[in-house]
Protein backbone atom coordinates (compact mmCIF):
# COMPACT_ATOMS: atom_id res chain seq x y z
CA UNK A 1 -28.68 9.67 3.48
CA UNK A 2 -26.58 6.42 3.42
CA UNK A 3 -24.55 5.64 0.27
CA UNK A 4 -26.16 3.00 -1.87
CA UNK A 5 -25.04 -0.45 -0.89
CA UNK A 6 -22.32 -1.89 -2.98
CA UNK A 7 -22.73 -5.28 -4.85
CA UNK A 8 -21.29 -7.33 -1.92
CA UNK A 9 -19.89 -6.84 1.54
CA UNK A 10 -17.23 -8.41 3.59
CA UNK A 11 -18.08 -9.16 7.28
CA UNK A 12 -15.29 -9.06 9.92
CA UNK A 13 -15.57 -9.44 13.65
CA UNK A 14 -17.08 -6.44 15.34
CA UNK A 15 -17.87 -4.44 12.20
CA UNK A 16 -18.59 -4.71 8.50
CA UNK A 17 -17.44 -2.81 5.48
CA UNK A 18 -18.72 -2.90 1.99
CA UNK A 19 -15.64 -2.97 -0.24
CA UNK A 20 -14.89 -2.70 -3.95
CA UNK A 21 -11.22 -4.00 -4.21
CA UNK A 22 -9.02 -2.69 -6.94
CA UNK A 23 -10.61 0.82 -6.93
CA UNK A 24 -9.67 3.90 -5.07
CA UNK A 25 -12.62 3.88 -2.75
CA UNK A 26 -13.52 2.17 0.40
CA UNK A 27 -16.98 3.22 1.33
CA UNK A 28 -18.27 2.90 4.90
CA UNK A 29 -21.96 2.74 5.29
CA UNK A 30 -23.34 6.21 6.33
CA UNK A 31 -19.78 7.57 6.78
CA UNK A 32 -18.72 11.14 5.96
CA UNK A 33 -15.76 9.94 3.88
CA UNK A 34 -14.82 12.20 0.98
CA UNK A 35 -13.37 10.96 -2.19
CA UNK A 36 -10.05 11.93 -3.66
CA UNK A 37 -9.86 14.06 -6.94
CA UNK A 38 -9.68 17.70 -6.16
CA UNK A 39 -11.01 19.19 -9.33
CA UNK A 40 -8.86 17.87 -12.17
CA UNK A 41 -5.26 18.11 -10.85
CA UNK A 42 -3.75 16.11 -13.75
CA UNK A 43 -5.15 18.15 -16.59
CA UNK A 44 -2.39 20.60 -17.27
CA UNK A 45 -0.88 20.67 -20.70
CA UNK A 46 2.72 20.51 -19.56
CA UNK A 47 5.79 18.26 -19.25
CA UNK A 48 5.70 16.35 -15.97
CA UNK A 49 7.88 13.69 -14.32
CA UNK A 50 4.97 12.50 -12.13
CA UNK A 51 3.42 9.13 -12.28
CA UNK A 52 -0.29 9.15 -12.88
CA UNK A 53 -1.98 6.54 -10.70
CA UNK A 54 -4.72 5.96 -13.29
CA UNK A 55 -2.24 4.88 -16.00
CA UNK A 56 -2.07 1.07 -15.95
CA UNK A 57 1.55 1.26 -17.35
CA UNK A 58 2.74 3.96 -14.95
CA UNK A 59 6.14 3.62 -13.33
CA UNK A 60 8.46 5.82 -11.33
CA UNK A 61 10.22 8.37 -13.39
CA UNK A 62 7.74 8.22 -16.34
CA UNK A 63 7.40 11.56 -18.06
CA UNK A 64 4.08 12.75 -19.33
CA UNK A 65 3.71 15.43 -22.01
CA UNK A 66 0.00 15.71 -21.84
CA UNK A 67 -2.79 15.01 -19.35
CA UNK A 68 -6.22 16.04 -20.40
CA UNK A 69 -9.76 15.14 -19.43
CA UNK A 70 -13.38 15.18 -20.45
CA UNK A 71 -16.37 14.28 -18.30
CA UNK A 72 -15.83 10.56 -18.96
CA UNK A 73 -12.48 10.27 -20.54
CA UNK A 74 -8.75 10.92 -19.70
CA UNK A 75 -5.92 11.03 -22.09
CA UNK A 76 -2.29 10.53 -21.14
CA UNK A 77 0.52 11.03 -23.60
CA UNK A 78 3.99 9.92 -22.39
CA UNK A 79 7.46 9.71 -24.10
CA UNK A 80 8.28 6.35 -25.53
CA UNK A 81 11.36 4.71 -26.74
CA UNK A 82 12.71 5.48 -30.31
CA UNK A 83 10.99 8.88 -30.48
CA UNK A 84 7.42 7.59 -30.32
CA UNK A 85 4.78 8.56 -27.77
CA UNK A 86 2.49 6.24 -25.82
CA UNK A 87 -1.05 7.57 -25.86
CA UNK A 88 -3.27 5.99 -23.23
CA UNK A 89 -7.04 6.57 -23.28
CA UNK A 90 -9.02 5.85 -20.05
CA UNK A 91 -12.78 5.69 -19.60
CA UNK A 92 -14.87 5.95 -16.38
CA UNK A 93 -16.89 2.93 -15.44
CA UNK A 94 -20.03 2.75 -13.36
CA UNK A 95 -18.07 3.08 -10.22
CA UNK A 96 -16.55 6.39 -11.28
CA UNK A 97 -13.05 4.83 -11.70
CA UNK A 98 -10.91 4.96 -14.87
CA UNK A 99 -10.44 1.85 -16.88
CA UNK A 100 -8.18 1.23 -19.88
CA UNK A 101 -9.96 1.98 -23.19
CA UNK A 102 -6.79 1.85 -25.48
CA UNK A 103 -3.05 2.30 -25.46
CA UNK A 104 -1.29 3.11 -28.71
CA UNK A 105 2.10 4.14 -29.92
CA UNK A 106 1.59 7.42 -31.72
CA UNK A 107 3.90 9.86 -33.74
CA UNK A 108 4.09 13.37 -32.68
CA UNK A 109 3.67 16.26 -35.11
CA UNK A 110 3.41 20.00 -35.03
CA UNK A 111 0.86 21.38 -37.45
CA UNK A 112 0.44 25.20 -37.51
CA UNK A 113 1.26 25.50 -33.86
CA UNK A 114 -1.01 22.51 -32.75
CA UNK A 115 0.60 19.44 -31.31
CA UNK A 116 -0.82 16.24 -32.83
CA UNK A 117 -0.33 12.69 -31.53
CA UNK A 118 -1.74 10.09 -33.95
CA UNK A 119 -1.70 6.72 -35.68
CA UNK A 120 -4.46 5.00 -37.65
CA UNK A 121 -6.54 4.37 -34.58
CA UNK A 122 -6.34 7.53 -32.43
CA UNK A 123 -5.60 11.27 -32.70
CA UNK A 124 -4.98 13.78 -30.05
CA UNK A 125 -4.77 17.55 -31.01
CA UNK A 126 -3.54 20.06 -28.54
CA UNK A 127 -3.71 23.84 -28.90
CA UNK A 128 -2.97 26.09 -25.93
CA UNK A 129 -5.25 24.80 -23.11
CA UNK A 130 -7.68 22.84 -25.34
CA UNK A 131 -7.40 19.38 -26.69
CA UNK A 132 -9.47 17.04 -28.85
CA UNK A 133 -9.44 13.28 -28.83
CA UNK A 134 -10.53 11.37 -31.85
CA UNK A 135 -10.94 7.62 -31.74
CA UNK A 136 -10.93 6.41 -35.30
CA UNK A 137 -12.99 3.26 -36.20
CA UNK A 138 -14.56 1.67 -39.21
CA UNK A 139 -18.01 3.01 -38.13
CA UNK A 140 -16.77 6.52 -38.02
CA UNK A 141 -14.89 8.96 -35.80
CA UNK A 142 -15.68 9.23 -32.13
CA UNK A 143 -14.64 12.71 -31.03
CA UNK A 144 -14.37 14.13 -27.56
CA UNK A 145 -13.41 17.61 -26.28
CA UNK A 146 -10.98 17.48 -23.47
CA UNK A 147 -10.34 20.09 -20.76
CA UNK A 148 -6.68 21.02 -20.31
CA UNK A 149 -6.66 24.03 -18.03
CA UNK A 150 -3.06 24.74 -17.00
CA UNK A 151 -2.31 26.30 -13.67
CA UNK A 152 0.95 28.18 -13.44
CA UNK A 153 2.68 28.85 -10.08
CA UNK A 154 5.17 31.45 -11.54
CA UNK A 155 4.68 34.69 -9.60
CA UNK A 156 2.22 33.20 -7.13
CA UNK A 157 4.64 31.52 -4.67
CA UNK A 158 4.30 34.30 -2.15
CA UNK A 159 0.62 35.02 -2.37
CA UNK A 160 -1.06 34.76 1.05
CA UNK A 161 -2.45 32.42 2.27
CA UNK A 162 -2.48 30.27 -1.02
CA UNK A 163 -1.73 30.75 -4.63
CA UNK A 164 -5.40 30.52 -5.65
CA UNK A 165 -8.64 28.59 -5.32
CA UNK A 166 -11.55 28.72 -2.92
CA UNK A 167 -10.92 25.60 -0.82
CA UNK A 168 -13.76 23.69 -2.31
CA UNK A 169 -13.70 20.29 -4.21
CA UNK A 170 -14.46 21.98 -7.49
CA UNK A 171 -11.85 24.79 -6.87
CA UNK A 172 -9.40 23.70 -4.25
CA UNK A 173 -6.79 25.96 -2.77
CA UNK A 174 -3.55 25.91 -4.83
CA UNK A 175 -0.25 25.28 -3.05
CA UNK A 176 3.00 26.54 -4.85
CA UNK A 177 5.37 26.99 -1.95
CA UNK A 178 6.46 25.79 1.53
CA UNK A 179 5.05 28.94 2.97
CA UNK A 180 1.56 28.24 1.52
CA UNK A 181 1.76 24.66 2.74
CA UNK A 182 2.63 25.98 6.17
CA UNK A 183 -0.45 28.18 6.08
CA UNK A 184 -2.85 25.23 6.35
CA UNK A 185 -3.74 25.92 10.01
CA UNK A 186 -6.59 27.26 12.04
CA UNK A 187 -9.79 27.78 10.00
CA UNK A 188 -8.24 26.08 6.91
CA UNK A 189 -7.96 22.64 8.38
CA UNK A 190 -11.13 21.32 6.71
CA UNK A 191 -10.59 22.60 3.11
CA UNK A 192 -9.63 21.03 -0.16
CA UNK A 193 -5.98 21.35 -1.48
CA UNK A 194 -3.96 20.60 -4.41
CA UNK A 195 -0.22 20.94 -4.79
CA UNK A 196 1.12 22.42 -8.00
CA UNK A 197 4.88 22.43 -7.55
CA UNK A 198 7.66 20.45 -5.82
CA UNK A 199 8.03 21.88 -2.27
CA UNK A 200 11.23 21.96 -0.37
CA UNK A 201 10.83 22.24 3.45
CA UNK A 202 14.57 22.93 4.10
CA UNK A 203 13.72 26.48 5.43
CA UNK A 204 11.64 24.80 8.17
CA UNK A 205 14.43 22.35 9.21
CA UNK A 206 16.07 24.48 11.97
CA UNK A 207 15.62 23.81 15.68
CA UNK A 208 12.69 21.49 16.27
CA UNK A 209 11.90 21.58 12.52
CA UNK A 210 8.48 21.47 10.82
CA UNK A 211 5.39 22.10 12.98
CA UNK A 212 2.96 19.33 11.96
CA UNK A 213 -0.37 20.40 10.33
CA UNK A 214 -3.13 19.54 12.66
CA UNK A 215 -3.00 18.32 16.31
CA UNK A 216 -5.08 16.50 18.90
CA UNK A 217 -7.06 19.52 19.69
CA UNK A 218 -7.47 20.90 16.09
CA UNK A 219 -6.92 17.99 13.67
CA UNK A 220 -6.69 18.23 9.96
CA UNK A 221 -9.96 16.95 8.42
CA UNK A 222 -9.82 18.21 4.87
CA UNK A 223 -8.69 16.78 1.45
CA UNK A 224 -5.02 17.25 0.39
CA UNK A 225 -4.07 16.01 -3.14
CA UNK A 226 -0.31 16.06 -3.60
CA UNK A 227 -0.79 15.91 -7.41
CA UNK A 228 2.24 13.56 -7.47
CA UNK A 229 4.67 16.45 -6.80
CA UNK A 230 7.45 15.94 -4.27
CA UNK A 231 7.67 17.34 -0.74
CA UNK A 232 11.25 16.96 0.42
CA UNK A 233 13.44 17.74 3.44
CA UNK A 234 10.79 17.26 6.06
CA UNK A 235 12.65 17.46 9.36
CA UNK A 236 11.12 17.20 12.77
CA UNK A 237 12.91 16.83 16.18
CA UNK A 238 10.30 16.99 18.89
CA UNK A 239 10.82 16.04 22.53
CA UNK A 240 7.29 16.59 23.80
CA UNK A 241 5.65 13.28 24.88
CA UNK A 242 2.31 12.45 23.20
CA UNK A 243 2.69 15.06 20.49
CA UNK A 244 2.19 13.32 17.14
CA UNK A 245 4.83 14.14 14.55
CA UNK A 246 4.76 14.00 10.79
CA UNK A 247 3.91 16.32 7.84
CA UNK A 248 0.44 16.16 9.30
CA UNK A 249 0.17 15.67 13.13
CA UNK A 250 -3.38 14.40 13.46
CA UNK A 251 -5.92 13.53 10.71
CA UNK A 252 -9.47 12.49 11.42
CA UNK A 253 -13.17 13.13 10.66
CA UNK A 254 -12.94 11.57 7.09
CA UNK A 255 -9.83 13.41 5.94
CA UNK A 256 -8.15 12.36 2.70
CA UNK A 257 -4.52 12.44 1.80
CA UNK A 258 -3.77 11.34 -1.79
CA UNK A 259 -1.16 11.30 -4.56
CA UNK A 260 1.77 12.33 -2.30
CA UNK A 261 5.48 11.91 -2.48
CA UNK A 262 7.25 12.70 0.79
CA UNK A 263 10.96 12.14 0.26
CA UNK A 264 14.10 12.21 2.48
CA UNK A 265 12.25 12.81 5.75
CA UNK A 266 14.28 13.08 9.08
CA UNK A 267 11.96 12.48 11.97
CA UNK A 268 12.95 12.06 15.64
CA UNK A 269 10.28 12.44 18.20
CA UNK A 270 8.93 10.79 21.39
CA UNK A 271 5.97 8.85 20.08
CA UNK A 272 3.36 8.71 17.25
CA UNK A 273 5.78 9.38 14.46
CA UNK A 274 5.02 8.95 10.73
CA UNK A 275 6.43 10.57 7.52
CA UNK A 276 2.87 11.41 6.36
CA UNK A 277 0.91 11.62 9.75
CA UNK A 278 1.60 11.01 13.31
CA UNK A 279 -1.80 9.99 14.39
CA UNK A 280 -4.76 9.01 12.16
CA UNK A 281 -8.34 8.39 13.47
CA UNK A 282 -10.60 8.33 10.42
CA UNK A 283 -9.20 8.83 6.98
CA UNK A 284 -8.10 7.57 3.59
CA UNK A 285 -4.52 7.41 2.52
CA UNK A 286 -4.35 6.92 -1.27
CA UNK A 287 -1.27 6.58 -3.35
CA UNK A 288 1.27 8.04 -0.92
CA UNK A 289 4.98 7.11 -1.06
CA UNK A 290 7.63 8.06 1.58
CA UNK A 291 11.44 7.72 2.01
CA UNK A 292 13.98 8.74 4.75
CA UNK A 293 14.32 8.06 8.45
CA UNK A 294 11.53 7.83 11.05
CA UNK A 295 12.26 7.28 14.74
CA UNK A 296 10.20 7.30 17.98
CA UNK A 297 12.14 7.15 21.17
CA UNK A 298 9.05 5.56 22.89
CA UNK A 299 6.52 3.80 20.67
CA UNK A 300 4.31 3.91 17.51
CA UNK A 301 6.49 4.77 14.54
CA UNK A 302 5.62 4.07 10.85
CA UNK A 303 7.04 4.81 7.46
CA UNK A 304 3.83 6.64 6.68
CA UNK A 305 1.61 6.60 9.78
CA UNK A 306 2.68 6.47 13.33
CA UNK A 307 -0.52 5.32 14.97
CA UNK A 308 -4.23 4.74 14.16
CA UNK A 309 -6.01 5.79 17.36
CA UNK A 310 -9.57 6.11 18.16
CA UNK A 311 -10.77 9.63 19.10
CA UNK A 312 -13.50 9.79 21.64
CA UNK A 313 -16.96 9.85 20.18
CA UNK A 314 -15.73 9.33 16.59
CA UNK A 315 -15.53 6.73 14.01
CA UNK A 316 -12.10 5.05 13.57
CA UNK A 317 -11.90 3.54 10.15
CA UNK A 318 -9.10 3.87 7.74
CA UNK A 319 -8.03 2.79 4.25
CA UNK A 320 -4.33 2.69 3.01
CA UNK A 321 -4.40 2.13 -0.69
CA UNK A 322 -1.58 1.98 -3.36
CA UNK A 323 0.95 3.35 -0.91
CA UNK A 324 4.56 2.40 -0.09
CA UNK A 325 7.48 3.34 2.05
CA UNK A 326 11.24 2.75 1.86
CA UNK A 327 11.89 4.72 5.04
CA UNK A 328 14.03 3.17 7.79
CA UNK A 329 11.80 3.10 10.90
CA UNK A 330 12.83 2.64 14.53
CA UNK A 331 10.94 2.68 17.82
CA UNK A 332 11.15 1.04 21.27
CA UNK A 333 7.72 -0.61 20.65
CA UNK A 334 5.17 -1.03 17.91
CA UNK A 335 7.01 -0.14 14.74
CA UNK A 336 5.96 -0.87 11.15
CA UNK A 337 7.07 -0.12 7.62
CA UNK A 338 3.82 1.68 6.95
CA UNK A 339 1.95 1.81 10.21
CA UNK A 340 3.39 1.66 13.70
CA UNK A 341 0.17 0.57 15.57
CA UNK A 342 -3.52 0.30 15.26
CA UNK A 343 -5.29 0.63 18.65
CA UNK A 344 -7.57 -2.18 19.88
CA UNK A 345 -10.85 -3.20 18.18
CA UNK A 346 -12.24 0.32 18.05
CA UNK A 347 -10.24 0.97 14.84
CA UNK A 348 -10.78 -1.08 11.69
CA UNK A 349 -9.71 -0.80 8.14
CA UNK A 350 -7.92 -2.05 4.98
CA UNK A 351 -4.42 -2.04 3.69
CA UNK A 352 -4.53 -2.88 -0.11
CA UNK A 353 -2.00 -2.83 -3.00
CA UNK A 354 0.72 -1.43 -0.69
CA UNK A 355 4.40 -2.30 0.02
CA UNK A 356 7.51 -1.51 2.07
CA UNK A 357 11.20 -2.02 1.61
CA UNK A 358 13.09 -0.20 4.40
CA UNK A 359 14.71 -1.32 7.69
CA UNK A 360 12.11 -1.76 10.39
CA UNK A 361 13.49 -2.16 13.85
CA UNK A 362 12.30 -2.39 17.42
CA UNK A 363 15.66 -3.77 18.60
CA UNK A 364 17.80 -0.74 19.10
CA UNK A 365 19.46 -1.05 22.52
CA UNK A 366 19.72 2.84 22.74
CA UNK A 367 15.95 3.09 23.06
CA UNK A 368 15.19 0.31 25.47
CA UNK A 369 13.34 -3.05 25.04
CA UNK A 370 12.00 -3.44 21.55
CA UNK A 371 8.66 -5.11 21.60
CA UNK A 372 6.92 -5.62 18.25
CA UNK A 373 7.91 -4.93 14.67
CA UNK A 374 6.37 -5.65 11.29
CA UNK A 375 7.24 -4.99 7.60
CA UNK A 376 3.82 -3.41 6.95
CA UNK A 377 2.55 -2.70 10.51
CA UNK A 378 3.70 -3.40 14.05
CA UNK A 379 0.47 -4.43 15.72
CA UNK A 380 -2.98 -4.39 14.18
CA UNK A 381 -6.57 -5.30 14.92
CA UNK A 382 -9.27 -6.67 12.58
CA UNK A 383 -7.58 -5.42 9.44
CA UNK A 384 -7.99 -6.66 5.85
CA UNK A 385 -4.55 -6.79 4.24
CA UNK A 386 -4.73 -7.70 0.44
CA UNK A 387 -2.38 -7.61 -2.56
CA UNK A 388 0.56 -6.19 -0.48
CA UNK A 389 4.09 -7.13 0.20
CA UNK A 390 7.30 -6.26 2.08
CA UNK A 391 11.02 -6.74 1.32
CA UNK A 392 11.82 -5.00 4.58
CA UNK A 393 14.49 -6.27 7.02
CA UNK A 394 12.53 -6.58 10.25
CA UNK A 395 13.89 -7.05 13.83
CA UNK A 396 12.64 -6.77 17.27
CA UNK A 397 13.87 -7.77 20.78
CA UNK A 398 10.45 -9.58 21.15
CA UNK A 399 8.00 -10.36 18.32
CA UNK A 400 8.68 -9.69 14.64
CA UNK A 401 6.84 -10.54 11.43
CA UNK A 402 7.58 -10.09 7.74
CA UNK A 403 4.13 -8.29 7.27
CA UNK A 404 2.78 -7.91 10.85
CA UNK A 405 4.48 -7.98 14.20
CA UNK A 406 1.20 -9.00 15.98
CA UNK A 407 -2.42 -9.34 14.84
CA UNK A 408 -5.68 -9.55 16.70
CA UNK A 409 -8.13 -11.03 14.17
CA UNK A 410 -8.46 -9.80 10.57
CA UNK A 411 -7.33 -11.31 7.30
CA UNK A 412 -4.21 -11.38 5.26
CA UNK A 413 -4.69 -12.36 1.66
CA UNK A 414 -2.63 -12.43 -1.61
CA UNK A 415 0.42 -11.00 0.20
CA UNK A 416 4.01 -11.99 0.82
CA UNK A 417 7.29 -11.18 2.47
CA UNK A 418 10.89 -11.62 1.09
CA UNK A 419 13.56 -10.45 3.44
CA UNK A 420 14.84 -11.13 6.82
CA UNK A 421 12.99 -11.44 10.17
CA UNK A 422 14.72 -11.46 13.53
CA UNK A 423 13.20 -11.74 16.97
CA UNK A 424 15.59 -12.13 19.84
CA UNK A 425 13.23 -13.39 22.40
CA UNK A 426 9.75 -13.83 21.10
CA UNK A 427 8.29 -15.27 17.92
CA UNK A 428 9.59 -14.56 14.45
CA UNK A 429 7.32 -15.33 11.41
CA UNK A 430 7.55 -14.81 7.67
CA UNK A 431 4.10 -13.19 7.57
CA UNK A 432 3.06 -12.76 11.25
CA UNK A 433 5.16 -12.63 14.49
CA UNK A 434 2.53 -13.43 17.14
CA UNK A 435 -1.09 -14.30 16.36
CA UNK A 436 -3.96 -13.46 18.70
CA UNK A 437 -7.70 -14.24 18.17
CA UNK A 438 -8.88 -15.67 14.91
CA UNK A 439 -6.43 -14.26 12.42
CA UNK A 440 -6.84 -15.60 8.88
CA UNK A 441 -3.90 -15.99 6.42
CA UNK A 442 -4.86 -17.02 2.80
CA UNK A 443 -3.08 -17.37 -0.46
CA UNK A 444 0.15 -15.82 0.88
CA UNK A 445 3.72 -16.77 1.23
CA UNK A 446 7.13 -15.95 2.80
CA UNK A 447 10.58 -16.49 1.35
CA UNK A 448 12.15 -14.84 4.39
CA UNK A 449 15.28 -15.68 6.33
CA UNK A 450 13.93 -16.14 9.85
CA UNK A 451 15.75 -16.24 13.06
CA UNK A 452 14.55 -16.34 16.74
CA UNK A 453 16.02 -17.21 20.10
CA UNK A 454 12.60 -18.64 21.12
CA UNK A 455 10.25 -19.54 18.24
CA UNK A 456 10.63 -19.37 14.44
CA UNK A 457 7.82 -20.24 11.92
CA UNK A 458 7.65 -20.00 8.17
CA UNK A 459 4.34 -18.18 8.33
CA UNK A 460 3.52 -17.52 12.01
CA UNK A 461 6.12 -17.37 14.88
CA UNK A 462 3.74 -17.69 17.89
CA UNK A 463 0.08 -18.91 17.72
CA UNK A 464 -1.42 -18.05 21.10
CA UNK A 465 -4.95 -18.76 19.88
CA UNK A 466 -6.43 -20.31 16.84
CA UNK A 467 -5.25 -18.56 13.63
CA UNK A 468 -6.25 -20.11 10.22
CA UNK A 469 -3.69 -20.61 7.54
CA UNK A 470 -4.82 -21.73 4.08
CA UNK A 471 -3.42 -22.13 0.59
CA UNK A 472 -0.10 -20.58 1.67
CA UNK A 473 3.59 -21.66 1.75
CA UNK A 474 7.00 -20.87 3.09
CA UNK A 475 10.18 -21.09 1.04
CA UNK A 476 12.92 -19.49 3.07
CA UNK A 477 15.35 -20.35 5.95
CA UNK A 478 14.54 -20.99 9.59
CA UNK A 479 16.89 -21.08 12.45
CA UNK A 480 17.15 -20.33 16.26
CA UNK A 481 19.94 -19.75 18.70
CA UNK A 482 22.70 -22.25 18.58
CA UNK A 483 21.87 -23.23 15.02
CA UNK A 484 18.94 -25.34 13.72
CA UNK A 485 16.84 -26.64 16.52
CA UNK A 486 13.45 -28.20 15.70
CA UNK A 487 11.99 -27.67 19.23
CA UNK A 488 10.19 -24.37 18.45
CA UNK A 489 10.95 -24.23 14.73
CA UNK A 490 8.16 -24.92 12.43
CA UNK A 491 7.80 -24.85 8.60
CA UNK A 492 4.34 -23.11 9.04
CA UNK A 493 4.07 -22.23 12.77
CA UNK A 494 6.93 -22.04 15.28
CA UNK A 495 5.03 -22.62 18.50
CA UNK A 496 1.44 -23.29 19.42
CA UNK A 497 0.22 -22.44 22.86
CA UNK A 498 -1.16 -25.79 24.11
CA UNK A 499 -3.16 -24.19 27.01
CA UNK A 500 -5.60 -23.14 24.27
CA UNK A 501 -7.24 -26.39 23.21
CA UNK A 502 -8.41 -24.98 20.02
CA UNK A 503 -6.27 -26.01 17.06
CA UNK A 504 -4.31 -24.04 14.55
CA UNK A 505 -6.24 -24.42 11.46
CA UNK A 506 -3.84 -25.25 8.59
CA UNK A 507 -5.19 -26.29 5.18
CA UNK A 508 -3.38 -26.88 1.88
CA UNK A 509 -0.30 -25.19 3.14
CA UNK A 510 3.29 -26.37 2.68
CA UNK A 511 6.91 -25.54 3.36
CA UNK A 512 9.98 -26.19 1.35
CA UNK A 513 12.90 -28.27 2.80
CA UNK A 514 15.71 -26.12 1.68
CA UNK A 515 18.48 -28.38 2.92
CA UNK A 516 19.05 -31.58 4.77
CA UNK A 517 19.61 -29.85 8.14
CA UNK A 518 15.99 -28.60 8.06
CA UNK A 519 14.52 -31.87 7.02
CA UNK A 520 13.34 -32.80 10.53
CA UNK A 521 11.45 -29.62 11.30
CA UNK A 522 7.75 -30.14 12.03
CA UNK A 523 5.00 -28.05 10.28
CA UNK A 524 4.16 -26.77 13.88
CA UNK A 525 7.38 -26.67 15.89
CA UNK A 526 6.08 -28.15 19.07
CA UNK A 527 3.58 -30.58 17.61
CA UNK A 528 3.85 -33.82 15.60
CA UNK A 529 5.00 -33.44 11.98
CA UNK A 530 1.79 -34.88 10.62
CA UNK A 531 -0.32 -32.19 12.35
CA UNK A 532 -0.22 -29.81 9.39
CA UNK A 533 -1.85 -31.50 6.39
CA UNK A 534 -4.22 -34.44 6.58
CA UNK A 535 -2.68 -35.69 3.34
CA UNK A 536 0.67 -35.98 5.14
CA UNK A 537 2.49 -33.89 2.61
CA UNK A 538 3.22 -30.76 4.46
CA UNK A 539 6.90 -30.39 3.24
CA UNK A 540 8.52 -30.17 -0.19
CA UNK A 541 11.98 -31.13 -1.08
CA UNK A 542 12.15 -28.90 -4.09
CA UNK A 543 11.53 -25.10 -3.88
CA UNK A 544 10.70 -24.95 -7.65
CA UNK A 545 7.33 -26.60 -6.73
CA UNK A 546 6.31 -23.18 -5.72
CA UNK A 547 7.34 -21.33 -8.98
CA UNK A 548 4.42 -22.27 -11.11
CA UNK A 549 0.68 -22.46 -10.90
CA UNK A 550 -0.08 -26.23 -11.24
CA UNK A 551 0.84 -27.81 -7.92
CA UNK A 552 -0.92 -27.10 -4.61
CA UNK A 553 -1.32 -24.63 -3.09
CA UNK A 554 -0.62 -22.45 -6.07
CA UNK A 555 -3.34 -24.20 -8.20
CA UNK A 556 -5.99 -22.26 -6.04
CA UNK A 557 -4.31 -18.93 -6.70
CA UNK A 558 -5.49 -16.33 -9.32
CA UNK A 559 -2.65 -16.02 -11.90
CA UNK A 560 -4.73 -14.04 -14.41
CA UNK A 561 -5.13 -10.89 -12.47
CA UNK A 562 -3.48 -11.13 -9.04
CA UNK A 563 -0.32 -13.18 -9.36
CA UNK A 564 2.40 -13.46 -11.94
CA UNK A 565 3.90 -16.89 -12.28
CA UNK A 566 7.67 -17.15 -13.06
CA UNK A 567 9.65 -20.16 -14.26
CA UNK A 568 12.74 -19.11 -12.47
CA UNK A 569 11.45 -17.70 -9.14
CA UNK A 570 8.55 -17.15 -6.64
CA UNK A 571 5.24 -15.54 -7.73
CA UNK A 572 4.99 -11.80 -7.84
CA UNK A 573 1.92 -9.65 -7.49
CA UNK A 574 0.94 -8.31 -10.82
CA UNK A 575 0.03 -4.68 -10.00
CA UNK A 576 1.19 -3.03 -6.76
CA UNK A 577 1.67 0.80 -6.72
């Protein structure tokens, strides 16, 4: 039976997806997608240096002393400055997601062996593996029993095949060691898992290194919850063409990978290389973060996912949510900070609340001609990209973009790039290197330093068809070989293909004239300067016009929940995980 239709839907070319943004779920009509949340992985009464994705005040390195849950509530107690504790109470809403109910500074006490965190509004009492939450009000006490069932790995690291569990959503297999992680093979590829300890894969780094979980013949299609523990020292040196490389090799059939930290990877393979997964066909990637080095000698390398590729006779839809990578990524072609490539119109999906910060390069002379590179993704089809950003340094011998190297359709909204973008022969753009089809860019900006030997644009480098750019701006630097040359240098678009008679649709979008040398640059490099805005005000002399929320285009932006306005700098996204 199909899932109930959500309150609204977004229609894109060739497909439609009902979406609830700002939650962890993207539901595809009649799809077999599972949801994350293997049992209650956060419910241990234990000290933890993991960030809980439900905590609205979470940040890397935050230490929790307590995580406990009831049917509808979750309580998180973390260390706070000056000896206090921060007690956060969350409540599930009608979508099943946790929303903030209260956040209080509390004092910790020890009363007859029971830990108590309290102030005049809330009280949490913890004894062994049981906890009680009391919310104090003028109308009386609202009390809740919380589950806090702790799972200990001690003594279970060498149990075969796993430390415990049944592989179901209610009782997932427990992973306590590298050996148990390596046992996810064969008949176990479709089960539920939860990680209960940091795992070091150094023992699997010799020779060719780690053997990825799942391949094109027997892919992983289960649910793996990393429980915010770290997986470190993932090393792969594969020299077999067309063999995807990553912690997971191939993930499809509605698989879910969530709450994972994969740090210090060292990957070097032929093609389809990603720290998390080499090839993905139909899956959700939720709250995943990667660091290290990823390299493909041929094509398709990403900080998290090498390639999204349709598998014959299967659905190809994906969600990347609350994920990031600071990995340095290199490939000869189609390289991205998160995703190297998404294959043609058969694969569609969403990148939401995600970001990158590493070096992204398709311009390494040792690996041949570098074609396409993007801060988030190299090349992508019909994607919805929202509330995401990149500070990556992006370079390619051909086309490079701060967010996307190339896009065929789809939409980019509430996103930005701040870094450098270099394309030695093709188009370089602050958001998009080269635009095909009817790509839409809305309420986004670039403050990039952009260089190209051919065409440089503040938002789009090359427009081959008719992209639409609305309510957006550029506030960086533009140049091409030999210094500033306004021939194919544009404040919004570098070059428009005049063989396509359809126009570039630019509305309420502007660019900053940083210095006098750039004052003569057109809005579209090879078109008249008044092409951009019918009001004839397509450039601004003062970059500070883009700091606040009163002048166009920022007066159309949401500064209450999406963007944060700053008096001394460009806007930032309020909440990106």
